[in-house]
Amino acid sequence: MFMYHYGYWGWHGAWAFPGVWGFGWMAAVIAVIPFWKICMRAGMSPWLSLLMLIPLVNLIFLYILAFGDWPSLRGLNGTPGGGNGSNPSIPGR
């Protein structure tokens, strides 16, 4: 009879430990929820927040979100984007 030595975690390794996968999914869900709200406030589709689940794509999306133009802010205070430059909160303008 052969005896196999698999080490401390057995044949499947440390990644089969239930807490590792559970923690990874919990962290992913926690990351998506705030970006869902940020995308809605930015005037973008909230479904774009699911890009936070894809490695490397999430970093690119974060930079686009941080440095790109938000559709919800277009046309306010004379910024380009289709508005007439008037802000209704400033009287006489």
C-alpha atoms as a PDB file:
ATOM      1  CA  MET A   1       0.000   0.000   0.000  1.00  0.00           C
ATOM      2  CA  PHE A   2       1.337   3.421  -0.937  1.00  0.00           C
ATOM      3  CA  MET A   3       1.265   6.355   1.454  1.00  0.00           C
ATOM      4  CA  TYR A   4       1.118   9.794  -0.115  1.00  0.00           C
ATOM      5  CA  HIS A   5       2.393  12.803   1.726  1.00  0.00           C
ATOM      6  CA  TYR A   6       0.318  15.821   0.785  1.00  0.00           C
ATOM      7  CA  GLY A   7       1.445  18.265   3.427  1.00  0.00           C
ATOM      8  CA  TYR A   8      -0.541  20.215   5.957  1.00  0.00           C
ATOM      9  CA  TRP A   9      -3.452  21.255   3.699  1.00  0.00           C
ATOM     10  CA  GLY A  10      -3.899  17.907   1.994  1.00  0.00           C
ATOM     11  CA  TRP A  11      -4.027  17.252  -1.744  1.00  0.00           C
ATOM     12  CA  HIS A  12      -5.962  20.389  -2.673  1.00  0.00           C
ATOM     13  CA  GLY A  13      -3.686  22.992  -1.131  1.00  0.00           C
ATOM     14  CA  ALA A  14      -4.424  26.122   0.844  1.00  0.00           C
ATOM     15  CA  TRP A  15      -6.827  27.581  -1.745  1.00  0.00           C
ATOM     16  CA  ALA A  16      -9.405  24.933  -0.973  1.00  0.00           C
ATOM     17  CA  PHE A  17      -9.719  26.316   2.526  1.00  0.00           C
ATOM     18  CA  PRO A  18     -13.288  27.706   2.569  1.00  0.00           C
ATOM     19  CA  GLY A  19     -12.362  31.000   4.182  1.00  0.00           C
ATOM     20  CA  VAL A  20      -9.987  32.024   1.399  1.00  0.00           C
ATOM     21  CA  TRP A  21     -12.601  31.856  -1.377  1.00  0.00           C
ATOM     22  CA  GLY A  22     -15.321  33.286   0.839  1.00  0.00           C
ATOM     23  CA  PHE A  23     -13.148  36.256   1.744  1.00  0.00           C
ATOM     24  CA  GLY A  24     -12.312  36.885  -1.914  1.00  0.00           C
ATOM     25  CA  TRP A  25     -15.956  36.995  -2.991  1.00  0.00           C
ATOM     26  CA  MET A  26     -16.917  39.133  -0.013  1.00  0.00           C
ATOM     27  CA  ALA A  27     -14.184  41.650  -0.871  1.00  0.00           C
ATOM     28  CA  ALA A  28     -15.357  41.737  -4.496  1.00  0.00           C
ATOM     29  CA  VAL A  29     -18.964  42.437  -3.515  1.00  0.00           C
ATOM     30  CA  ILE A  30     -17.860  45.111  -1.065  1.00  0.00           C
ATOM     31  CA  ALA A  31     -15.904  46.801  -3.875  1.00  0.00           C
ATOM     32  CA  VAL A  32     -18.789  46.729  -6.362  1.00  0.00           C
ATOM     33  CA  ILE A  33     -21.424  48.360  -4.135  1.00  0.00           C
ATOM     34  CA  PRO A  34     -19.729  51.786  -3.721  1.00  0.00           C
ATOM     35  CA  PHE A  35     -18.763  51.911  -7.392  1.00  0.00           C
ATOM     36  CA  TRP A  36     -22.398  51.188  -8.307  1.00  0.00           C
ATOM     37  CA  LYS A  37     -23.403  54.373  -6.433  1.00  0.00           C
ATOM     38  CA  ILE A  38     -20.489  56.387  -7.854  1.00  0.00           C
ATOM     39  CA  CYS A  39     -21.396  55.392 -11.421  1.00  0.00           C
ATOM     40  CA  MET A  40     -25.012  56.441 -10.844  1.00  0.00           C
ATOM     41  CA  ARG A  41     -23.933  59.842  -9.488  1.00  0.00           C
ATOM     42  CA  ALA A  42     -21.499  60.282 -12.352  1.00  0.00           C
ATOM     43  CA  GLY A  43     -24.303  59.741 -14.869  1.00  0.00           C
ATOM     44  CA  MET A  44     -22.868  56.463 -16.131  1.00  0.00           C
ATOM     45  CA  SER A  45     -24.497  53.061 -16.248  1.00  0.00           C
ATOM     46  CA  PRO A  46     -24.239  51.450 -12.808  1.00  0.00           C
ATOM     47  CA  TRP A  47     -23.576  48.115 -14.520  1.00  0.00           C
ATOM     48  CA  LEU A  48     -20.077  49.430 -15.257  1.00  0.00           C
ATOM     49  CA  SER A  49     -19.297  48.836 -11.581  1.00  0.00           C
ATOM     50  CA  LEU A  50     -19.086  45.115 -12.386  1.00  0.00           C
ATOM     51  CA  LEU A  51     -15.801  45.931 -14.120  1.00  0.00           C
ATOM     52  CA  MET A  52     -14.336  46.094 -10.615  1.00  0.00           C
ATOM     53  CA  LEU A  53     -14.458  42.275 -10.571  1.00  0.00           C
ATOM     54  CA  ILE A  54     -12.002  41.923 -13.476  1.00  0.00           C
ATOM     55  CA  PRO A  55      -8.315  42.258 -12.573  1.00  0.00           C
ATOM     56  CA  LEU A  56      -6.413  45.033 -14.377  1.00  0.00           C
ATOM     57  CA  VAL A  57      -9.631  46.223 -16.013  1.00  0.00           C
ATOM     58  CA  ASN A  58     -10.683  47.524 -12.602  1.00  0.00           C
ATOM     59  CA  LEU A  59      -7.595  49.751 -12.419  1.00  0.00           C
ATOM     60  CA  ILE A  60      -8.227  51.140 -15.896  1.00  0.00           C
ATOM     61  CA  PHE A  61     -11.877  51.807 -15.028  1.00  0.00           C
ATOM     62  CA  LEU A  62     -10.847  53.512 -11.792  1.00  0.00           C
ATOM     63  CA  TYR A  63      -8.594  55.934 -13.696  1.00  0.00           C
ATOM     64  CA  ILE A  64     -11.298  56.615 -16.298  1.00  0.00           C
ATOM     65  CA  LEU A  65     -13.759  57.317 -13.499  1.00  0.00           C
ATOM     66  CA  ALA A  66     -11.329  59.550 -11.627  1.00  0.00           C
ATOM     67  CA  PHE A  67      -9.962  61.617 -14.508  1.00  0.00           C
ATOM     68  CA  GLY A  68     -12.673  61.381 -17.163  1.00  0.00           C
ATOM     69  CA  ASP A  69     -15.625  63.688 -17.748  1.00  0.00           C
ATOM     70  CA  TRP A  70     -18.758  62.761 -15.860  1.00  0.00           C
ATOM     71  CA  PRO A  71     -21.925  63.027 -17.979  1.00  0.00           C
ATOM     72  CA  SER A  72     -23.897  64.287 -14.969  1.00  0.00           C
ATOM     73  CA  LEU A  73     -21.631  67.357 -14.720  1.00  0.00           C
ATOM     74  CA  ARG A  74     -21.718  68.343 -18.380  1.00  0.00           C
ATOM     75  CA  GLY A  75     -23.074  71.799 -19.012  1.00  0.00           C
ATOM     76  CA  LEU A  76     -22.669  73.105 -15.460  1.00  0.00           C
ATOM     77  CA  ASN A  77     -20.835  76.412 -14.873  1.00  0.00           C
ATOM     78  CA  GLY A  78     -19.820  76.855 -18.496  1.00  0.00           C
ATOM     79  CA  THR A  79     -18.069  73.527 -18.892  1.00  0.00           C
ATOM     80  CA  PRO A  80     -18.272  72.044 -22.371  1.00  0.00           C
ATOM     81  CA  GLY A  81     -20.683  69.255 -23.055  1.00  0.00           C
ATOM     82  CA  GLY A  82     -23.937  70.510 -24.444  1.00  0.00           C
ATOM     83  CA  GLY A  83     -25.199  72.861 -21.744  1.00  0.00           C
ATOM     84  CA  ASN A  84     -25.714  76.586 -22.222  1.00  0.00           C
ATOM     85  CA  GLY A  85     -23.371  77.412 -19.357  1.00  0.00           C
ATOM     86  CA  SER A  86     -26.103  78.674 -17.074  1.00  0.00           C
ATOM     87  CA  ASN A  87     -26.388  77.446 -13.538  1.00  0.00           C
ATOM     88  CA  PRO A  88     -29.908  77.778 -12.118  1.00  0.00           C
ATOM     89  CA  SER A  89     -28.540  78.126  -8.584  1.00  0.00           C
ATOM     90  CA  ILE A  90     -26.865  81.457  -9.493  1.00  0.00           C
ATOM     91  CA  PRO A  91     -29.472  84.229  -9.853  1.00  0.00           C
ATOM     92  CA  GLY A  92     -29.136  86.629 -12.767  1.00  0.00           C
ATOM     93  CA  ARG A  93     -27.150  84.321 -14.923  1.00  0.00           C
END
